[in-house]
């Protein structure tokens, strides 16, 4: 039981001075439950975690991988961070896990490279040997080839959107990953427009459609007490009282934020010099909100967000073949409302250039964006 293992064996540094056992917080629990549910159903963990800042997703993923590496024999694990500083921090987390394990279950450490690698095991001729020979390597995105020394059983890609490129993942790292039962692959990130962002977004969109082996999970940051500011005695808080802090009534009534969350949100937007879009990237309330960027759109972001709330799935989908329509839940023709004979319709087209590159590495990868036709009823 990994969660029990966390609560009783793994110690972490806390935001306050000191250390404590890793008791998953309210924002981590949806991620952990998604991973353990998939493990129970399929025997493997293949997860895509989208999150707000500082909710502890990297620590949680490191805990899952350390659990597998420390307690099972012959496990090769690799954790990749976006830069040297972050990789050093994650290594410190795993080293703290190891040093605070109960001696009764802690395997001997046969090799240790500060800031990079822990090898667990001992001489097989030693009658007291644990039998566990596993290693855990922590590196940075520009050194991905360091982790390719044999089959990888556990892989954690931390803040993948910030990687310089996704190409080394597809060309070198993923082909080295074992697909055996018990293996783990976790990709997690906050929104960012680095070289790994497009790959992560595409994989999340595939997972949300039910395609492929990965499962998508979102972490609701507003469940954390750290992201609240209590109201002072007698203080009155009026949602949407200022245009500097948009959509507060919606967040309160529809999303589930508290007044204390909204007060905290205002303080962070102020820290960001009023940049609401930067707040949404750092602390999104859903997948789409985190990826709306000012530089990529000619339309007001608030209006786009309002329109997205009205989006609903099509009533029916069709496959078009030989000039005929065949109902197909995976068809390319999406219909929300059937046409009427006496109605007037406008048709708009956006033709793709077809010069993009396949980005998901699969046999069914498509190049570039789709061409699109949209039919809209007048009036």
Protein backbone atom coordinates (compact mmCIF):
# COMPACT_ATOMS: atom_id res chain seq x y z
CA UNK A 1 0.00 0.00 0.00
CA UNK A 2 1.98 3.05 -1.22
CA UNK A 3 -0.15 5.56 0.70
CA UNK A 4 0.42 3.71 3.96
CA UNK A 5 4.13 3.53 3.12
CA UNK A 6 4.18 7.31 2.60
CA UNK A 7 2.46 8.07 5.89
CA UNK A 8 4.65 5.74 7.95
CA UNK A 9 8.05 5.72 6.24
CA UNK A 10 8.76 8.69 3.98
CA UNK A 11 9.81 11.96 5.55
CA UNK A 12 9.81 15.30 3.74
CA UNK A 13 10.83 18.83 4.57
CA UNK A 14 7.78 20.97 5.30
CA UNK A 15 7.03 24.57 4.36
CA UNK A 16 7.38 25.34 8.04
CA UNK A 17 10.79 24.61 9.53
CA UNK A 18 11.20 20.90 10.15
CA UNK A 19 10.20 17.55 8.65
CA UNK A 20 7.13 15.32 8.68
CA UNK A 21 5.87 12.11 7.17
CA UNK A 22 4.46 12.34 3.65
CA UNK A 23 0.72 12.47 4.31
CA UNK A 24 -0.77 13.35 0.90
CA UNK A 25 -2.55 16.70 1.01
CA UNK A 26 -5.97 17.47 -0.47
CA UNK A 27 -4.48 18.56 -3.80
CA UNK A 28 -2.20 15.52 -4.04
CA UNK A 29 -4.91 12.96 -3.24
CA UNK A 30 -6.71 13.14 -6.63
CA UNK A 31 -3.38 12.46 -8.35
CA UNK A 32 -2.48 9.58 -6.04
CA UNK A 33 -5.93 8.00 -6.33
CA UNK A 34 -5.80 8.22 -10.12
CA UNK A 35 -2.42 6.45 -10.16
CA UNK A 36 -3.40 3.71 -7.69
CA UNK A 37 -6.75 3.11 -9.41
CA UNK A 38 -4.97 2.61 -12.73
CA UNK A 39 -2.41 0.33 -11.10
CA UNK A 40 -5.19 -1.80 -9.65
CA UNK A 41 -7.03 -1.99 -12.98
CA UNK A 42 -4.10 -2.45 -15.39
CA UNK A 43 -1.08 -3.43 -13.29
CA UNK A 44 0.80 -0.32 -14.48
CA UNK A 45 0.90 3.41 -13.82
CA UNK A 46 0.76 5.75 -16.84
CA UNK A 47 -0.22 9.21 -15.62
CA UNK A 48 -0.44 12.79 -16.90
CA UNK A 49 -0.79 15.28 -14.04
CA UNK A 50 -1.76 18.90 -14.66
CA UNK A 51 -1.50 21.11 -11.61
CA UNK A 52 -1.01 24.48 -9.99
CA UNK A 53 2.26 25.62 -8.49
CA UNK A 54 3.68 24.18 -5.30
CA UNK A 55 1.09 21.47 -4.60
CA UNK A 56 3.71 18.75 -4.15
CA UNK A 57 3.18 16.71 -7.33
CA UNK A 58 6.92 16.14 -7.87
CA UNK A 59 7.29 14.93 -4.27
CA UNK A 60 4.32 12.58 -4.69
CA UNK A 61 5.67 11.11 -7.94
CA UNK A 62 9.13 10.74 -6.39
CA UNK A 63 7.47 8.90 -3.50
CA UNK A 64 5.76 6.41 -5.82
CA UNK A 65 9.00 5.74 -7.65
CA UNK A 66 11.04 5.46 -4.46
CA UNK A 67 8.50 2.98 -3.06
CA UNK A 68 8.97 0.77 -6.10
CA UNK A 69 12.77 1.18 -6.19
CA UNK A 70 13.44 0.58 -2.48
CA UNK A 71 11.11 -2.36 -1.91
CA UNK A 72 11.41 -4.33 -5.15
CA UNK A 73 14.40 -6.06 -6.72
CA UNK A 74 15.98 -5.14 -10.05
CA UNK A 75 14.24 -1.80 -10.59
CA UNK A 76 15.84 0.91 -12.73
CA UNK A 77 14.31 4.33 -12.08
CA UNK A 78 14.93 7.72 -13.66
CA UNK A 79 13.58 11.10 -12.54
CA UNK A 80 14.06 14.01 -14.94
CA UNK A 81 13.77 17.68 -13.90
CA UNK A 82 13.85 20.77 -16.08
CA UNK A 83 17.21 22.09 -14.82
CA UNK A 84 20.17 21.35 -12.57
CA UNK A 85 18.81 23.20 -9.52
CA UNK A 86 15.48 21.36 -9.61
CA UNK A 87 17.12 17.98 -10.19
CA UNK A 88 19.28 18.62 -7.13
CA UNK A 89 16.17 19.44 -5.06
CA UNK A 90 14.39 16.26 -6.16
CA UNK A 91 17.49 14.18 -5.40
CA UNK A 92 17.54 15.69 -1.91
CA UNK A 93 13.92 14.56 -1.48
CA UNK A 94 14.75 10.97 -2.45
CA UNK A 95 17.88 10.94 -0.29
CA UNK A 96 15.79 12.12 2.68
CA UNK A 97 13.34 9.29 1.95
CA UNK A 98 16.18 6.78 2.11
CA UNK A 99 17.92 8.12 5.22
CA UNK A 100 14.70 8.10 7.26
CA UNK A 101 13.44 4.65 6.29
CA UNK A 102 12.93 2.20 9.13
CA UNK A 103 16.23 0.25 9.36
CA UNK A 104 14.22 -2.97 9.31
CA UNK A 105 13.20 -2.38 5.69
CA UNK A 106 15.94 -0.05 4.45
CA UNK A 107 18.11 -1.83 1.86
CA UNK A 108 21.85 -1.23 1.99
CA UNK A 109 23.17 1.55 -0.22
CA UNK A 110 26.02 0.16 -2.29
CA UNK A 111 26.71 3.28 -4.32
CA UNK A 112 25.94 6.96 -3.97
CA UNK A 113 26.69 9.94 -6.20
CA UNK A 114 25.80 13.20 -4.50
CA UNK A 115 23.01 14.96 -6.32
CA UNK A 116 22.52 12.26 -8.94
CA UNK A 117 22.32 8.52 -8.20
CA UNK A 118 21.49 6.03 -5.45
CA UNK A 119 22.19 2.33 -6.01
CA UNK A 120 20.57 -0.07 -3.56
CA UNK A 121 22.00 -3.54 -3.07
CA UNK A 122 24.82 -5.54 -1.61
CA UNK A 123 27.16 -8.40 -2.41
CA UNK A 124 25.01 -11.44 -3.33
CA UNK A 125 27.44 -13.57 -1.31
CA UNK A 126 26.58 -11.68 1.86
CA UNK A 127 24.21 -13.90 3.87
CA UNK A 128 22.58 -10.74 5.30
CA UNK A 129 22.01 -9.21 1.85
CA UNK A 130 18.50 -7.92 1.22
CA UNK A 131 18.40 -9.27 -2.31
CA UNK A 132 17.38 -5.86 -3.62
CA UNK A 133 19.56 -4.49 -6.40
CA UNK A 134 17.92 -1.38 -7.77
CA UNK A 135 19.02 2.11 -8.73
CA UNK A 136 17.47 5.57 -8.78
CA UNK A 137 18.96 8.26 -11.03
CA UNK A 138 17.97 11.93 -11.00
CA UNK A 139 19.01 14.14 -13.93
CA UNK A 140 18.09 17.24 -15.88
CA UNK A 141 16.27 17.45 -19.20
CA UNK A 142 19.37 18.29 -21.25
CA UNK A 143 21.07 15.13 -19.94
CA UNK A 144 18.30 12.65 -20.72
CA UNK A 145 20.76 10.18 -22.27
CA UNK A 146 22.24 9.61 -18.80
CA UNK A 147 19.22 7.50 -17.92
CA UNK A 148 19.52 5.15 -20.88
CA UNK A 149 21.76 2.39 -19.63
CA UNK A 150 19.25 -0.44 -19.78
CA UNK A 151 15.52 -1.00 -19.50
CA UNK A 152 13.78 1.70 -17.46
CA UNK A 153 11.03 0.47 -15.15
CA UNK A 154 10.07 3.76 -13.51
CA UNK A 155 10.15 7.19 -15.15
CA UNK A 156 9.07 10.55 -13.74
CA UNK A 157 9.22 13.62 -15.98
CA UNK A 158 8.88 16.63 -13.68
CA UNK A 159 7.68 19.96 -15.13
CA UNK A 160 7.88 18.52 -18.64
CA UNK A 161 6.42 21.67 -20.23
CA UNK A 162 9.66 23.47 -19.31
CA UNK A 163 11.94 21.01 -21.12
CA UNK A 164 13.94 22.46 -24.04
CA UNK A 165 12.45 19.88 -26.41
CA UNK A 166 10.35 16.73 -26.41
CA UNK A 167 12.40 15.15 -29.22
CA UNK A 168 14.90 13.28 -26.95
CA UNK A 169 11.96 11.72 -25.10
CA UNK A 170 10.51 10.29 -28.28
CA UNK A 171 13.81 9.33 -29.89
CA UNK A 172 15.73 7.88 -26.94
CA UNK A 173 14.00 7.77 -23.56
CA UNK A 174 10.58 6.25 -24.25
CA UNK A 175 12.00 3.40 -26.39
CA UNK A 176 14.14 2.43 -23.36
CA UNK A 177 11.08 2.13 -21.07
CA UNK A 178 9.82 -1.30 -20.12
CA UNK A 179 6.13 -2.01 -20.59
CA UNK A 180 6.09 -4.87 -18.08
CA UNK A 181 3.52 -5.11 -15.25
CA UNK A 182 4.44 -2.96 -12.26
CA UNK A 183 6.20 -0.28 -14.31
CA UNK A 184 5.56 3.43 -13.75
CA UNK A 185 5.55 6.47 -16.03
CA UNK A 186 4.40 9.85 -14.72
CA UNK A 187 4.53 13.17 -16.57
CA UNK A 188 3.52 16.26 -14.58
CA UNK A 189 3.70 20.01 -15.05
CA UNK A 190 2.20 23.41 -14.54
CA UNK A 191 1.39 25.38 -17.68
CA UNK A 192 4.44 26.77 -19.47
CA UNK A 193 5.31 27.39 -23.10
CA UNK A 194 8.67 25.63 -23.23
CA UNK A 195 9.76 22.96 -25.68
CA UNK A 196 7.90 20.13 -23.96
CA UNK A 197 4.54 21.91 -23.66
CA UNK A 198 2.98 20.88 -26.97
CA UNK A 199 3.79 17.21 -26.42
CA UNK A 200 2.30 17.22 -22.92
CA UNK A 201 -0.84 19.05 -24.05
CA UNK A 202 -1.38 16.65 -26.94
CA UNK A 203 -0.97 13.63 -24.68
CA UNK A 204 -3.45 15.08 -22.17
CA UNK A 205 -5.99 15.75 -24.90
CA UNK A 206 -5.60 12.16 -26.15
CA UNK A 207 -6.04 10.82 -22.62
CA UNK A 208 -9.16 12.92 -22.04
CA UNK A 209 -10.63 11.43 -25.24
CA UNK A 210 -9.88 7.96 -23.91
CA UNK A 211 -7.10 7.26 -26.43
CA UNK A 212 -3.89 5.49 -25.46
CA UNK A 213 -2.70 4.08 -22.14
CA UNK A 214 -2.13 7.33 -20.24
CA UNK A 215 -4.73 8.75 -17.86
CA UNK A 216 -5.18 12.44 -17.16
CA UNK A 217 -5.60 13.84 -13.65
CA UNK A 218 -5.97 17.42 -12.46
CA UNK A 219 -5.00 18.77 -9.05
CA UNK A 220 -7.40 21.37 -7.56
CA UNK A 221 -5.01 23.79 -5.83
CA UNK A 222 -7.83 25.64 -4.04
CA UNK A 223 -8.34 22.70 -1.69
CA UNK A 224 -5.10 23.60 0.11
CA UNK A 225 -5.27 25.76 3.22
CA UNK A 226 -2.01 27.40 2.10
CA UNK A 227 -3.99 29.04 -0.70
CA UNK A 228 -6.44 30.86 1.54
CA UNK A 229 -6.36 34.14 3.47
CA UNK A 230 -8.89 34.38 6.32
CA UNK A 231 -11.17 37.41 6.44
CA UNK A 232 -10.51 39.85 9.25
CA UNK A 233 -13.18 40.26 11.89
CA UNK A 234 -16.03 42.25 10.39
CA UNK A 235 -14.44 42.26 6.90
CA UNK A 236 -16.89 42.11 4.00
CA UNK A 237 -15.85 40.53 0.73
CA UNK A 238 -17.89 41.27 -2.39
CA UNK A 239 -17.11 38.98 -5.35
CA UNK A 240 -16.70 40.74 -8.72
CA UNK A 241 -16.64 44.13 -7.02
CA UNK A 242 -13.55 45.06 -9.07
CA UNK A 243 -12.76 44.30 -12.71
CA UNK A 244 -9.11 43.65 -11.72
CA UNK A 245 -10.22 40.28 -10.31
CA UNK A 246 -12.55 38.74 -12.93
CA UNK A 247 -14.94 35.77 -12.69
CA UNK A 248 -15.09 35.64 -8.90
CA UNK A 249 -18.79 34.76 -8.73
CA UNK A 250 -18.26 31.95 -11.23
CA UNK A 251 -15.29 30.63 -9.26
CA UNK A 252 -17.29 30.79 -6.04
CA UNK A 253 -20.52 29.21 -7.28
CA UNK A 254 -19.46 26.91 -10.12
CA UNK A 255 -15.87 25.88 -9.43
CA UNK A 256 -15.99 25.65 -5.65
CA UNK A 257 -13.48 28.23 -4.46
CA UNK A 258 -14.14 29.76 -1.05
CA UNK A 259 -14.18 33.43 -0.15
CA UNK A 260 -10.81 32.82 1.53
CA UNK A 261 -9.47 31.35 -1.73
CA UNK A 262 -10.66 34.43 -3.60
CA UNK A 263 -8.98 36.75 -1.13
CA UNK A 264 -5.72 34.82 -1.59
CA UNK A 265 -6.21 34.91 -5.37
CA UNK A 266 -6.50 38.70 -5.27
CA UNK A 267 -3.24 38.94 -3.32
CA UNK A 268 -1.37 36.82 -5.89
CA UNK A 269 -2.81 38.74 -8.84
CA UNK A 270 -1.55 41.89 -7.11
CA UNK A 271 1.90 40.27 -6.76
CA UNK A 272 1.75 39.56 -10.50
CA UNK A 273 1.11 43.29 -11.13
CA UNK A 274 -2.47 42.59 -12.14
CA UNK A 275 -1.54 39.92 -14.70
CA UNK A 276 -4.59 37.63 -14.52
CA UNK A 277 -3.34 35.43 -17.36
CA UNK A 278 -0.11 34.70 -15.47
CA UNK A 279 -2.20 33.71 -12.45
CA UNK A 280 -4.29 31.38 -14.62
CA UNK A 281 -1.16 29.70 -15.95
CA UNK A 282 0.23 29.24 -12.44
CA UNK A 283 -3.06 28.30 -10.74
CA UNK A 284 -5.56 27.08 -13.36
CA UNK A 285 -9.05 25.91 -12.49
CA UNK A 286 -9.14 23.49 -15.43
CA UNK A 287 -6.97 22.22 -18.27
CA UNK A 288 -7.93 24.80 -20.89
CA UNK A 289 -7.54 27.82 -18.65
CA UNK A 290 -3.86 27.13 -18.01
CA UNK A 291 -2.96 27.13 -21.69
CA UNK A 292 -4.56 30.39 -22.83
CA UNK A 293 -1.69 32.71 -23.70
CA UNK A 294 -1.83 36.38 -24.55
CA UNK A 295 0.65 36.03 -27.40
CA UNK A 296 -1.28 33.32 -29.24
CA UNK A 297 -4.74 34.88 -29.46
CA UNK A 298 -6.28 37.92 -31.09
CA UNK A 299 -9.41 37.63 -28.94
CA UNK A 300 -10.05 38.81 -25.35
CA UNK A 301 -9.14 36.02 -22.96
CA UNK A 302 -12.02 36.64 -20.60
CA UNK A 303 -14.47 36.34 -23.50
CA UNK A 304 -12.79 33.12 -24.69
CA UNK A 305 -13.10 31.66 -21.21
CA UNK A 306 -16.78 32.62 -21.02
CA UNK A 307 -17.42 30.96 -24.39
CA UNK A 308 -15.56 27.80 -23.38
CA UNK A 309 -17.97 27.31 -20.48
CA UNK A 310 -20.77 26.92 -23.04
CA UNK A 311 -18.97 24.24 -25.06
CA UNK A 312 -20.71 20.86 -25.01
CA UNK A 313 -19.98 17.59 -26.83
CA UNK A 314 -21.72 16.93 -30.18
CA UNK A 315 -25.08 15.18 -30.22
CA UNK A 316 -23.85 12.71 -32.84
CA UNK A 317 -20.74 12.01 -34.94
CA UNK A 318 -20.48 10.61 -38.46
CA UNK A 319 -17.86 9.03 -40.65
CA UNK A 320 -17.90 10.24 -44.26
CA UNK A 321 -17.17 7.55 -46.84
CA UNK A 322 -18.12 7.14 -50.51
CA UNK A 323 -20.29 10.25 -50.35
CA UNK A 324 -22.39 8.85 -47.52
CA UNK A 325 -22.66 9.42 -43.77
CA UNK A 326 -22.24 6.58 -41.29
CA UNK A 327 -22.85 7.16 -37.60
CA UNK A 328 -19.57 6.62 -35.77
CA UNK A 329 -18.61 7.77 -32.23
CA UNK A 330 -15.07 8.47 -33.55
CA UNK A 331 -16.20 10.13 -36.80
CA UNK A 332 -14.76 13.40 -38.07
CA UNK A 333 -18.15 15.05 -38.74
CA UNK A 334 -19.52 16.45 -35.49
CA UNK A 335 -23.19 17.46 -35.36
CA UNK A 336 -24.74 19.46 -32.55
CA UNK A 337 -28.04 20.21 -34.28
CA UNK A 338 -29.50 18.58 -37.37
CA UNK A 339 -30.11 20.89 -40.36
CA UNK A 340 -33.56 22.27 -41.20
CA UNK A 341 -34.76 22.57 -44.79
CA UNK A 342 -36.04 26.13 -44.43
CA UNK A 343 -32.96 27.49 -42.61
CA UNK A 344 -30.03 29.53 -43.96
CA UNK A 345 -26.48 28.38 -43.20
CA UNK A 346 -23.00 29.84 -43.48
CA UNK A 347 -19.92 27.67 -43.94
CA UNK A 348 -16.43 28.74 -42.87
CA UNK A 349 -13.19 26.92 -43.65
CA UNK A 350 -9.74 26.91 -42.05
CA UNK A 351 -7.39 24.90 -44.25
CA UNK A 352 -4.31 23.49 -42.53
CA UNK A 353 -0.94 23.84 -44.22
CA UNK A 354 -0.03 20.22 -43.56
CA UNK A 355 3.59 21.09 -42.78
CA UNK A 356 3.58 20.15 -39.09
CA UNK A 357 5.50 17.24 -37.61
CA UNK A 358 4.12 14.15 -35.91
CA UNK A 359 4.51 14.74 -32.20
CA UNK A 360 3.13 11.81 -30.21
CA UNK A 361 5.40 9.12 -31.61
CA UNK A 362 2.51 6.76 -32.34
CA UNK A 363 1.77 4.98 -35.59
CA UNK A 364 -1.43 7.01 -35.92
CA UNK A 365 0.29 10.37 -35.35
CA UNK A 366 -1.04 13.08 -37.62
CA UNK A 367 1.04 15.90 -39.08
CA UNK A 368 0.16 19.46 -38.10
CA UNK A 369 -3.31 20.81 -37.39
CA UNK A 370 -6.54 19.56 -38.91
CA UNK A 371 -8.37 21.37 -41.67
CA UNK A 372 -11.75 22.50 -40.34
CA UNK A 373 -15.18 23.30 -41.81
CA UNK A 374 -17.79 24.90 -39.58
CA UNK A 375 -21.48 25.17 -40.50
CA UNK A 376 -23.50 27.77 -38.55
CA UNK A 377 -27.24 28.43 -38.77
CA UNK A 378 -28.18 32.06 -39.32
CA UNK A 379 -30.42 33.93 -36.93
